[in-house]
Amino acid sequence: MSEREVVVDKLRLSYEGLFKVTDLYKLVDGWLRQKGYDKREKRMAESVTKGGKFIEWEMEPWKKITDYAKIVIKLRIIMTDIKELEVEIDKAKVKMNQGRIDFVFDGYLETDYEHRWESKPLFFFLRTIFDKYLFKPYTAGFQSNAIDDVNDIHQRIKAFLNLYRFSDVAYTKPAIIYPAH
C-alpha cells in the first residue's frame, strides 16, 4: 500500500461577488497543464436551488516526480447561490455570475504508489528504513515542491478573484434564463 503524507492540510479560500465560472474552470485547467499535472475529477455535481445554482467540483490532480513519489493535490470547490447576471464593462454587456465560492486545498506526497516495495515483508521493512534515514533529504525536497504547488494555485485563484472584486463593473438587469428543451 502506498503511503500518503499530508503536507498541506485544508488551506481555505472564500470569495463572494462577481466572477465567471467558465473562466475559473479555464484557470484551474490551464494551471494544471502548465505545471504538468494529470487531472482526475472525483466529483462534479450541479443542482438548481431557490437561491441559485449549487456547484460542487472535487478533483485530485497528480504529478509523477519519480517512479517512487508523486504529488497529489486535492481541490474542492463549492459554489453556492450562483446567479447569472448581465453587467456592463466598458459600455459592453457581458454575462457574469454572482455568488459565493469556497475552496479547500490539500497537498499530499504519495510514495511507493506502484506498490513495488510491498511484495515481501523484508522489502516493506527495508522501505521503512530507507524512507526514514536514506531518502529523507529527497522526500523533504518533494514535500517542499508539493507545498509550493498548492500555494501557487491558491495564490493564482486568489489573484483571479481579486480582479473581479476591484474591477469597474456596473450592474444591469439579471439575465433571463430559459430552461433547455
N, C-alpha and C. Protein backbone atom coordinates (compact mmCIF):
# COMPACT_ATOMS: atom_id res chain seq x y z
N MET A 1 0.84 -1.18 0.00
CA MET A 1 0.00 0.00 0.00
C MET A 1 0.88 1.24 0.00
N SER A 2 0.56 2.16 -0.83
CA SER A 2 1.37 3.38 -0.89
C SER A 2 1.09 4.24 0.34
N GLU A 3 2.07 5.04 0.67
CA GLU A 3 1.92 5.95 1.80
C GLU A 3 1.60 7.33 1.29
N ARG A 4 0.64 7.97 1.93
CA ARG A 4 0.22 9.31 1.56
C ARG A 4 0.45 10.21 2.77
N GLU A 5 1.40 11.13 2.61
CA GLU A 5 1.74 12.04 3.70
C GLU A 5 1.13 13.42 3.42
N VAL A 6 0.41 13.94 4.39
CA VAL A 6 -0.22 15.25 4.25
C VAL A 6 0.84 16.32 4.43
N VAL A 7 0.99 17.20 3.42
CA VAL A 7 1.95 18.30 3.54
C VAL A 7 1.25 19.65 3.64
N VAL A 8 0.03 19.75 3.10
CA VAL A 8 -0.80 20.94 3.26
C VAL A 8 -2.18 20.44 3.67
N ASP A 9 -2.67 20.93 4.80
CA ASP A 9 -3.94 20.43 5.33
C ASP A 9 -4.98 21.53 5.37
N LYS A 10 -5.97 21.42 4.51
CA LYS A 10 -7.15 22.27 4.50
C LYS A 10 -6.84 23.77 4.43
N LEU A 11 -6.08 24.16 3.44
CA LEU A 11 -5.86 25.56 3.15
C LEU A 11 -7.14 26.09 2.51
N ARG A 12 -7.71 27.15 3.05
CA ARG A 12 -9.03 27.61 2.61
C ARG A 12 -8.96 28.98 1.94
N LEU A 13 -9.94 29.20 1.07
CA LEU A 13 -10.12 30.48 0.40
C LEU A 13 -11.61 30.65 0.15
N SER A 14 -12.14 31.82 0.49
CA SER A 14 -13.56 32.10 0.27
C SER A 14 -13.68 33.41 -0.50
N TYR A 15 -14.73 33.48 -1.31
CA TYR A 15 -14.98 34.68 -2.12
C TYR A 15 -16.48 34.82 -2.31
N GLU A 16 -16.94 36.04 -2.29
CA GLU A 16 -18.34 36.31 -2.59
C GLU A 16 -18.40 37.55 -3.46
N GLY A 17 -19.06 37.43 -4.61
CA GLY A 17 -19.18 38.55 -5.52
C GLY A 17 -19.30 38.09 -6.95
N LEU A 18 -18.88 38.97 -7.86
CA LEU A 18 -18.95 38.68 -9.29
C LEU A 18 -17.73 37.89 -9.76
N PHE A 19 -17.96 36.99 -10.69
CA PHE A 19 -16.90 36.22 -11.32
C PHE A 19 -17.51 35.48 -12.50
N LYS A 20 -16.66 34.79 -13.25
CA LYS A 20 -17.13 33.94 -14.34
C LYS A 20 -16.75 32.50 -14.02
N VAL A 21 -17.74 31.64 -13.94
CA VAL A 21 -17.48 30.24 -13.62
C VAL A 21 -16.60 29.60 -14.70
N THR A 22 -16.89 29.89 -15.96
CA THR A 22 -16.12 29.29 -17.06
C THR A 22 -14.66 29.73 -17.01
N ASP A 23 -14.42 30.99 -16.67
CA ASP A 23 -13.04 31.46 -16.57
C ASP A 23 -12.30 30.80 -15.40
N LEU A 24 -13.02 30.52 -14.33
CA LEU A 24 -12.41 29.82 -13.20
C LEU A 24 -12.01 28.41 -13.61
N TYR A 25 -12.88 27.71 -14.33
CA TYR A 25 -12.55 26.37 -14.83
C TYR A 25 -11.32 26.43 -15.74
N LYS A 26 -11.28 27.43 -16.63
CA LYS A 26 -10.15 27.55 -17.55
C LYS A 26 -8.85 27.84 -16.80
N LEU A 27 -8.93 28.66 -15.75
CA LEU A 27 -7.75 28.98 -14.96
C LEU A 27 -7.17 27.72 -14.31
N VAL A 28 -8.04 26.93 -13.67
CA VAL A 28 -7.57 25.72 -13.00
C VAL A 28 -7.01 24.73 -14.02
N ASP A 29 -7.72 24.51 -15.12
CA ASP A 29 -7.23 23.57 -16.14
C ASP A 29 -5.91 24.03 -16.75
N GLY A 30 -5.79 25.31 -17.02
CA GLY A 30 -4.54 25.85 -17.57
C GLY A 30 -3.38 25.70 -16.62
N TRP A 31 -3.63 25.95 -15.33
CA TRP A 31 -2.57 25.81 -14.34
C TRP A 31 -2.11 24.36 -14.26
N LEU A 32 -3.06 23.42 -14.27
CA LEU A 32 -2.71 22.00 -14.20
C LEU A 32 -1.87 21.57 -15.39
N ARG A 33 -2.24 22.03 -16.59
CA ARG A 33 -1.46 21.70 -17.79
C ARG A 33 -0.08 22.33 -17.72
N GLN A 34 0.00 23.59 -17.30
CA GLN A 34 1.27 24.30 -17.23
C GLN A 34 2.24 23.62 -16.26
N LYS A 35 1.74 23.12 -15.15
CA LYS A 35 2.60 22.50 -14.13
C LYS A 35 2.82 21.00 -14.35
N GLY A 36 2.18 20.42 -15.37
CA GLY A 36 2.41 19.02 -15.69
C GLY A 36 1.59 18.03 -14.89
N TYR A 37 0.46 18.46 -14.37
CA TYR A 37 -0.40 17.57 -13.59
C TYR A 37 -1.37 16.83 -14.50
N ASP A 38 -1.68 15.60 -14.12
CA ASP A 38 -2.74 14.83 -14.77
C ASP A 38 -4.00 15.04 -13.94
N LYS A 39 -5.06 15.43 -14.62
CA LYS A 39 -6.29 15.78 -13.91
C LYS A 39 -7.14 14.54 -13.67
N ARG A 40 -7.60 14.40 -12.44
CA ARG A 40 -8.52 13.33 -12.09
C ARG A 40 -9.69 13.98 -11.33
N GLU A 41 -10.82 14.08 -12.00
CA GLU A 41 -12.00 14.65 -11.36
C GLU A 41 -12.71 13.56 -10.58
N LYS A 42 -12.92 13.80 -9.30
CA LYS A 42 -13.60 12.82 -8.46
C LYS A 42 -15.10 13.07 -8.43
N ARG A 43 -15.47 14.34 -8.48
CA ARG A 43 -16.89 14.66 -8.36
C ARG A 43 -17.17 16.00 -9.04
N MET A 44 -18.25 16.00 -9.82
CA MET A 44 -18.73 17.25 -10.42
C MET A 44 -20.25 17.19 -10.34
N ALA A 45 -20.82 18.00 -9.47
CA ALA A 45 -22.27 17.99 -9.26
C ALA A 45 -22.81 19.41 -9.39
N GLU A 46 -23.96 19.51 -9.99
CA GLU A 46 -24.61 20.80 -10.17
C GLU A 46 -26.10 20.61 -9.94
N SER A 47 -26.69 21.50 -9.15
CA SER A 47 -28.13 21.45 -8.92
C SER A 47 -28.66 22.87 -8.81
N VAL A 48 -29.95 23.01 -9.07
CA VAL A 48 -30.59 24.32 -9.01
C VAL A 48 -31.40 24.40 -7.72
N THR A 49 -31.17 25.46 -6.96
CA THR A 49 -31.89 25.70 -5.71
C THR A 49 -32.65 27.00 -5.82
N LYS A 50 -33.38 27.35 -4.76
CA LYS A 50 -34.13 28.61 -4.77
C LYS A 50 -33.22 29.82 -4.90
N GLY A 51 -32.08 29.78 -4.22
CA GLY A 51 -31.17 30.91 -4.24
C GLY A 51 -30.29 30.99 -5.47
N GLY A 52 -30.27 29.96 -6.30
CA GLY A 52 -29.42 29.93 -7.49
C GLY A 52 -28.84 28.53 -7.66
N LYS A 53 -27.81 28.43 -8.46
CA LYS A 53 -27.17 27.13 -8.70
C LYS A 53 -26.24 26.77 -7.55
N PHE A 54 -26.12 25.47 -7.32
CA PHE A 54 -25.15 24.92 -6.39
C PHE A 54 -24.23 24.02 -7.20
N ILE A 55 -22.94 24.31 -7.16
CA ILE A 55 -21.96 23.54 -7.94
C ILE A 55 -20.88 23.04 -6.98
N GLU A 56 -20.61 21.75 -7.05
CA GLU A 56 -19.54 21.16 -6.26
C GLU A 56 -18.58 20.46 -7.22
N TRP A 57 -17.32 20.84 -7.13
CA TRP A 57 -16.29 20.31 -8.02
C TRP A 57 -15.14 19.82 -7.16
N GLU A 58 -14.86 18.54 -7.21
CA GLU A 58 -13.76 17.97 -6.44
C GLU A 58 -12.84 17.22 -7.39
N MET A 59 -11.58 17.51 -7.27
CA MET A 59 -10.59 16.86 -8.14
C MET A 59 -9.33 16.53 -7.35
N GLU A 60 -8.60 15.55 -7.86
CA GLU A 60 -7.31 15.17 -7.28
C GLU A 60 -6.27 15.06 -8.39
N PRO A 61 -5.77 16.19 -8.87
CA PRO A 61 -4.70 16.12 -9.88
C PRO A 61 -3.42 15.59 -9.23
N TRP A 62 -2.62 14.91 -10.04
CA TRP A 62 -1.37 14.34 -9.54
C TRP A 62 -0.26 14.54 -10.56
N LYS A 63 0.95 14.58 -10.02
CA LYS A 63 2.13 14.73 -10.87
C LYS A 63 3.20 13.76 -10.39
N LYS A 64 3.66 12.95 -11.32
CA LYS A 64 4.69 11.97 -11.03
C LYS A 64 6.04 12.68 -10.97
N ILE A 65 6.74 12.55 -9.85
CA ILE A 65 8.06 13.15 -9.72
C ILE A 65 9.13 12.12 -10.08
N THR A 66 9.03 10.96 -9.46
CA THR A 66 9.93 9.83 -9.76
C THR A 66 9.07 8.57 -9.84
N ASP A 67 9.72 7.44 -10.06
CA ASP A 67 8.98 6.17 -10.05
C ASP A 67 8.54 5.80 -8.63
N TYR A 68 9.01 6.54 -7.66
CA TYR A 68 8.71 6.23 -6.27
C TYR A 68 7.77 7.25 -5.62
N ALA A 69 7.77 8.48 -6.09
CA ALA A 69 7.00 9.54 -5.43
C ALA A 69 6.19 10.34 -6.43
N LYS A 70 5.03 10.79 -5.97
CA LYS A 70 4.21 11.70 -6.76
C LYS A 70 3.50 12.68 -5.84
N ILE A 71 3.18 13.85 -6.39
CA ILE A 71 2.46 14.89 -5.66
C ILE A 71 1.00 14.79 -6.04
N VAL A 72 0.13 14.85 -5.04
CA VAL A 72 -1.31 14.84 -5.26
C VAL A 72 -1.89 16.07 -4.58
N ILE A 73 -2.70 16.82 -5.32
CA ILE A 73 -3.40 17.98 -4.77
C ILE A 73 -4.88 17.66 -4.77
N LYS A 74 -5.50 17.81 -3.64
CA LYS A 74 -6.96 17.63 -3.56
C LYS A 74 -7.58 19.03 -3.51
N LEU A 75 -8.40 19.32 -4.49
CA LEU A 75 -9.01 20.64 -4.61
C LEU A 75 -10.52 20.48 -4.60
N ARG A 76 -11.17 21.09 -3.62
CA ARG A 76 -12.63 21.09 -3.53
C ARG A 76 -13.13 22.51 -3.71
N ILE A 77 -14.06 22.67 -4.65
CA ILE A 77 -14.65 23.98 -4.91
C ILE A 77 -16.16 23.83 -4.72
N ILE A 78 -16.71 24.63 -3.83
CA ILE A 78 -18.15 24.61 -3.59
C ILE A 78 -18.68 26.01 -3.88
N MET A 79 -19.56 26.08 -4.88
CA MET A 79 -20.17 27.35 -5.28
C MET A 79 -21.65 27.32 -4.89
N THR A 80 -22.10 28.33 -4.18
CA THR A 80 -23.49 28.39 -3.75
C THR A 80 -24.14 29.69 -4.21
N ASP A 81 -25.43 29.61 -4.43
CA ASP A 81 -26.26 30.76 -4.84
C ASP A 81 -25.70 31.45 -6.08
N ILE A 82 -25.34 30.67 -7.08
CA ILE A 82 -24.76 31.20 -8.31
C ILE A 82 -25.90 31.68 -9.21
N LYS A 83 -25.87 32.95 -9.53
CA LYS A 83 -26.87 33.55 -10.42
C LYS A 83 -26.16 34.13 -11.62
N GLU A 84 -26.84 34.12 -12.74
CA GLU A 84 -26.28 34.72 -13.95
C GLU A 84 -26.81 36.15 -14.06
N LEU A 85 -25.89 37.08 -14.28
CA LEU A 85 -26.23 38.49 -14.39
C LEU A 85 -25.66 39.05 -15.68
N GLU A 86 -26.24 40.14 -16.13
CA GLU A 86 -25.67 40.91 -17.22
C GLU A 86 -25.05 42.15 -16.61
N VAL A 87 -23.78 42.36 -16.88
CA VAL A 87 -23.09 43.54 -16.36
C VAL A 87 -22.52 44.34 -17.52
N GLU A 88 -22.27 45.60 -17.24
CA GLU A 88 -21.73 46.47 -18.28
C GLU A 88 -20.28 46.78 -17.97
N ILE A 89 -19.42 46.40 -18.88
CA ILE A 89 -17.99 46.66 -18.75
C ILE A 89 -17.56 47.42 -20.00
N ASP A 90 -17.07 48.63 -19.83
CA ASP A 90 -16.65 49.47 -20.95
C ASP A 90 -17.75 49.57 -22.01
N LYS A 91 -18.95 49.84 -21.56
CA LYS A 91 -20.13 50.04 -22.41
C LYS A 91 -20.51 48.80 -23.23
N ALA A 92 -20.07 47.65 -22.80
CA ALA A 92 -20.45 46.40 -23.45
C ALA A 92 -21.08 45.50 -22.39
N LYS A 93 -22.18 44.85 -22.75
CA LYS A 93 -22.86 43.97 -21.81
C LYS A 93 -22.22 42.58 -21.86
N VAL A 94 -21.90 42.09 -20.67
CA VAL A 94 -21.22 40.80 -20.53
C VAL A 94 -21.99 39.96 -19.52
N LYS A 95 -22.14 38.66 -19.82
CA LYS A 95 -22.79 37.77 -18.86
C LYS A 95 -21.75 37.29 -17.86
N MET A 96 -22.10 37.44 -16.58
CA MET A 96 -21.22 37.01 -15.49
C MET A 96 -22.05 36.27 -14.46
N ASN A 97 -21.36 35.73 -13.47
CA ASN A 97 -22.02 35.02 -12.39
C ASN A 97 -21.77 35.75 -11.09
N GLN A 98 -22.70 35.58 -10.18
CA GLN A 98 -22.56 36.16 -8.85
C GLN A 98 -22.92 35.08 -7.85
N GLY A 99 -22.16 35.00 -6.77
CA GLY A 99 -22.44 34.02 -5.74
C GLY A 99 -21.26 33.88 -4.79
N ARG A 100 -21.27 32.78 -4.07
CA ARG A 100 -20.23 32.51 -3.08
C ARG A 100 -19.45 31.27 -3.51
N ILE A 101 -18.12 31.35 -3.34
CA ILE A 101 -17.24 30.22 -3.65
C ILE A 101 -16.37 29.94 -2.42
N ASP A 102 -16.28 28.66 -2.09
CA ASP A 102 -15.38 28.21 -1.03
C ASP A 102 -14.44 27.17 -1.61
N PHE A 103 -13.15 27.36 -1.37
CA PHE A 103 -12.12 26.45 -1.86
C PHE A 103 -11.46 25.79 -0.65
N VAL A 104 -11.12 24.52 -0.80
CA VAL A 104 -10.32 23.81 0.20
C VAL A 104 -9.21 23.08 -0.56
N PHE A 105 -7.97 23.38 -0.19
CA PHE A 105 -6.79 22.79 -0.83
C PHE A 105 -6.10 21.85 0.15
N ASP A 106 -5.77 20.66 -0.32
CA ASP A 106 -4.96 19.72 0.45
C ASP A 106 -3.82 19.27 -0.45
N GLY A 107 -2.64 19.09 0.13
CA GLY A 107 -1.50 18.61 -0.63
C GLY A 107 -0.93 17.36 0.01
N TYR A 108 -0.59 16.39 -0.84
CA TYR A 108 -0.07 15.10 -0.36
C TYR A 108 1.19 14.73 -1.12
N LEU A 109 2.06 14.01 -0.43
CA LEU A 109 3.18 13.36 -1.08
C LEU A 109 2.92 11.87 -0.96
N GLU A 110 2.75 11.21 -2.09
CA GLU A 110 2.46 9.78 -2.10
C GLU A 110 3.71 9.04 -2.54
N THR A 111 4.15 8.09 -1.71
CA THR A 111 5.35 7.32 -2.02
C THR A 111 4.98 5.86 -2.26
N ASP A 112 5.79 5.18 -3.04
CA ASP A 112 5.60 3.79 -3.42
C ASP A 112 4.19 3.55 -3.98
N TYR A 113 3.79 4.43 -4.88
CA TYR A 113 2.44 4.34 -5.45
C TYR A 113 2.31 3.18 -6.43
N GLU A 114 3.41 2.61 -6.86
CA GLU A 114 3.35 1.44 -7.75
C GLU A 114 3.43 0.13 -6.97
N HIS A 115 3.50 0.21 -5.66
CA HIS A 115 3.48 -0.94 -4.74
C HIS A 115 4.63 -1.93 -5.01
N ARG A 116 5.78 -1.42 -5.33
CA ARG A 116 6.92 -2.28 -5.61
C ARG A 116 7.58 -2.81 -4.33
N TRP A 117 7.47 -2.05 -3.25
CA TRP A 117 8.16 -2.42 -2.02
C TRP A 117 7.26 -3.19 -1.06
N GLU A 118 6.16 -3.72 -1.54
CA GLU A 118 5.24 -4.41 -0.64
C GLU A 118 5.09 -5.89 -0.95
N SER A 119 5.82 -6.37 -1.91
CA SER A 119 5.64 -7.76 -2.31
C SER A 119 6.09 -8.75 -1.23
N LYS A 120 7.08 -8.37 -0.45
CA LYS A 120 7.60 -9.25 0.61
C LYS A 120 7.79 -8.45 1.89
N PRO A 121 7.65 -9.09 3.03
CA PRO A 121 7.83 -8.37 4.30
C PRO A 121 9.21 -7.74 4.45
N LEU A 122 10.24 -8.38 3.92
CA LEU A 122 11.58 -7.83 4.00
C LEU A 122 11.67 -6.51 3.23
N PHE A 123 11.06 -6.47 2.04
CA PHE A 123 11.06 -5.23 1.24
C PHE A 123 10.33 -4.11 1.97
N PHE A 124 9.23 -4.46 2.61
CA PHE A 124 8.48 -3.46 3.36
C PHE A 124 9.32 -2.89 4.50
N PHE A 125 10.02 -3.75 5.20
CA PHE A 125 10.90 -3.31 6.28
C PHE A 125 12.02 -2.42 5.73
N LEU A 126 12.64 -2.86 4.63
CA LEU A 126 13.71 -2.07 4.03
C LEU A 126 13.21 -0.70 3.56
N ARG A 127 12.02 -0.66 2.99
CA ARG A 127 11.45 0.62 2.56
C ARG A 127 11.29 1.56 3.74
N THR A 128 10.84 1.05 4.87
CA THR A 128 10.69 1.88 6.06
C THR A 128 12.03 2.45 6.50
N ILE A 129 13.05 1.64 6.50
CA ILE A 129 14.40 2.10 6.88
C ILE A 129 14.92 3.13 5.87
N PHE A 130 14.75 2.84 4.59
CA PHE A 130 15.21 3.76 3.55
C PHE A 130 14.48 5.11 3.66
N ASP A 131 13.16 5.07 3.83
CA ASP A 131 12.39 6.30 3.94
C ASP A 131 12.81 7.13 5.14
N LYS A 132 13.06 6.45 6.23
CA LYS A 132 13.36 7.17 7.47
C LYS A 132 14.76 7.78 7.49
N TYR A 133 15.72 7.10 6.87
CA TYR A 133 17.10 7.55 7.00
C TYR A 133 17.78 7.95 5.69
N LEU A 134 17.63 7.18 4.64
CA LEU A 134 18.38 7.46 3.41
C LEU A 134 17.66 8.41 2.46
N PHE A 135 16.35 8.24 2.29
CA PHE A 135 15.61 9.07 1.33
C PHE A 135 15.07 10.35 1.95
N LYS A 136 15.35 10.61 3.21
CA LYS A 136 14.79 11.77 3.91
C LYS A 136 15.08 13.10 3.18
N PRO A 137 16.31 13.35 2.72
CA PRO A 137 16.54 14.62 2.00
C PRO A 137 15.73 14.72 0.71
N TYR A 138 15.56 13.61 0.02
CA TYR A 138 14.78 13.62 -1.23
C TYR A 138 13.31 13.88 -0.95
N THR A 139 12.77 13.17 0.02
CA THR A 139 11.35 13.35 0.32
C THR A 139 11.08 14.75 0.88
N ALA A 140 12.04 15.32 1.60
CA ALA A 140 11.87 16.70 2.08
C ALA A 140 11.79 17.67 0.90
N GLY A 141 12.59 17.44 -0.13
CA GLY A 141 12.51 18.27 -1.33
C GLY A 141 11.20 18.08 -2.07
N PHE A 142 10.71 16.84 -2.12
CA PHE A 142 9.42 16.57 -2.77
C PHE A 142 8.28 17.23 -1.99
N GLN A 143 8.37 17.20 -0.66
CA GLN A 143 7.36 17.86 0.17
C GLN A 143 7.36 19.36 -0.08
N SER A 144 8.54 19.92 -0.21
CA SER A 144 8.66 21.35 -0.49
C SER A 144 8.02 21.70 -1.84
N ASN A 145 8.23 20.84 -2.84
CA ASN A 145 7.61 21.07 -4.15
C ASN A 145 6.09 21.00 -4.05
N ALA A 146 5.57 20.06 -3.27
CA ALA A 146 4.12 19.94 -3.11
C ALA A 146 3.55 21.18 -2.43
N ILE A 147 4.21 21.66 -1.40
CA ILE A 147 3.76 22.87 -0.70
C ILE A 147 3.78 24.07 -1.64
N ASP A 148 4.85 24.20 -2.42
CA ASP A 148 4.96 25.31 -3.37
C ASP A 148 3.83 25.27 -4.40
N ASP A 149 3.51 24.08 -4.91
CA ASP A 149 2.45 23.97 -5.92
C ASP A 149 1.08 24.31 -5.34
N VAL A 150 0.78 23.84 -4.14
CA VAL A 150 -0.51 24.15 -3.52
C VAL A 150 -0.61 25.66 -3.26
N ASN A 151 0.46 26.24 -2.75
CA ASN A 151 0.44 27.69 -2.50
C ASN A 151 0.33 28.48 -3.80
N ASP A 152 0.94 27.99 -4.87
CA ASP A 152 0.88 28.68 -6.16
C ASP A 152 -0.54 28.69 -6.72
N ILE A 153 -1.22 27.55 -6.73
CA ILE A 153 -2.59 27.55 -7.26
C ILE A 153 -3.51 28.35 -6.36
N HIS A 154 -3.28 28.32 -5.06
CA HIS A 154 -4.07 29.14 -4.13
C HIS A 154 -3.91 30.62 -4.45
N GLN A 155 -2.68 31.06 -4.65
CA GLN A 155 -2.43 32.48 -4.95
C GLN A 155 -2.97 32.88 -6.32
N ARG A 156 -2.88 31.99 -7.31
CA ARG A 156 -3.40 32.30 -8.64
C ARG A 156 -4.92 32.47 -8.61
N ILE A 157 -5.60 31.58 -7.91
CA ILE A 157 -7.06 31.69 -7.82
C ILE A 157 -7.45 32.94 -7.03
N LYS A 158 -6.72 33.23 -5.98
CA LYS A 158 -6.99 34.43 -5.17
C LYS A 158 -6.79 35.70 -6.01
N ALA A 159 -5.73 35.75 -6.79
CA ALA A 159 -5.48 36.91 -7.65
C ALA A 159 -6.55 37.02 -8.73
N PHE A 160 -6.97 35.89 -9.30
CA PHE A 160 -8.02 35.87 -10.31
C PHE A 160 -9.32 36.45 -9.76
N LEU A 161 -9.70 36.03 -8.57
CA LEU A 161 -10.94 36.52 -7.97
C LEU A 161 -10.83 37.97 -7.55
N ASN A 162 -9.65 38.41 -7.12
CA ASN A 162 -9.47 39.82 -6.75
C ASN A 162 -9.59 40.75 -7.95
N LEU A 163 -9.33 40.24 -9.16
CA LEU A 163 -9.53 41.06 -10.35
C LEU A 163 -10.99 41.48 -10.48
N TYR A 164 -11.88 40.57 -10.15
CA TYR A 164 -13.31 40.90 -10.22
C TYR A 164 -13.73 41.80 -9.08
N ARG A 165 -13.12 41.63 -7.93
CA ARG A 165 -13.50 42.42 -6.76
C ARG A 165 -13.23 43.91 -6.98
N PHE A 166 -12.15 44.23 -7.67
CA PHE A 166 -11.76 45.61 -7.83
C PHE A 166 -11.96 46.14 -9.25
N SER A 167 -12.74 45.42 -10.05
CA SER A 167 -13.00 45.90 -11.41
C SER A 167 -14.12 46.93 -11.42
N ASP A 168 -14.19 47.66 -12.49
CA ASP A 168 -15.19 48.72 -12.64
C ASP A 168 -16.38 48.14 -13.40
N VAL A 169 -17.32 47.55 -12.66
CA VAL A 169 -18.45 46.87 -13.26
C VAL A 169 -19.73 47.54 -12.82
N ALA A 170 -20.62 47.76 -13.78
CA ALA A 170 -21.94 48.33 -13.47
C ALA A 170 -22.99 47.25 -13.70
N TYR A 171 -23.85 47.07 -12.71
CA TYR A 171 -24.92 46.08 -12.84
C TYR A 171 -25.98 46.57 -13.81
N THR A 172 -26.51 45.66 -14.58
CA THR A 172 -27.71 45.95 -15.37
C THR A 172 -28.79 45.00 -14.85
N LYS A 173 -29.60 44.48 -15.67
CA LYS A 173 -30.66 43.59 -15.22
C LYS A 173 -30.18 42.14 -15.20
N PRO A 174 -30.80 41.31 -14.34
CA PRO A 174 -30.43 39.88 -14.38
C PRO A 174 -30.79 39.27 -15.72
N ALA A 175 -29.97 38.38 -16.18
CA ALA A 175 -30.22 37.70 -17.46
C ALA A 175 -31.41 36.76 -17.31
N ILE A 176 -32.17 36.63 -18.35
CA ILE A 176 -33.30 35.71 -18.34
C ILE A 176 -32.77 34.35 -18.74
N ILE A 177 -33.00 33.37 -17.89
CA ILE A 177 -32.54 32.02 -18.16
C ILE A 177 -33.73 31.17 -18.52
N TYR A 178 -33.73 30.64 -19.73
CA TYR A 178 -34.82 29.79 -20.16
C TYR A 178 -34.41 28.34 -20.03
N PRO A 179 -35.35 27.47 -19.59
CA PRO A 179 -34.98 26.05 -19.49
C PRO A 179 -34.73 25.45 -20.85
N ALA A 180 -33.81 24.49 -20.90
CA ALA A 180 -33.49 23.83 -22.17
C ALA A 180 -34.62 22.89 -22.55
N HIS A 181 -34.91 22.79 -23.85
CA HIS A 181 -36.00 21.89 -24.32
C HIS A 181 -35.43 20.59 -24.75
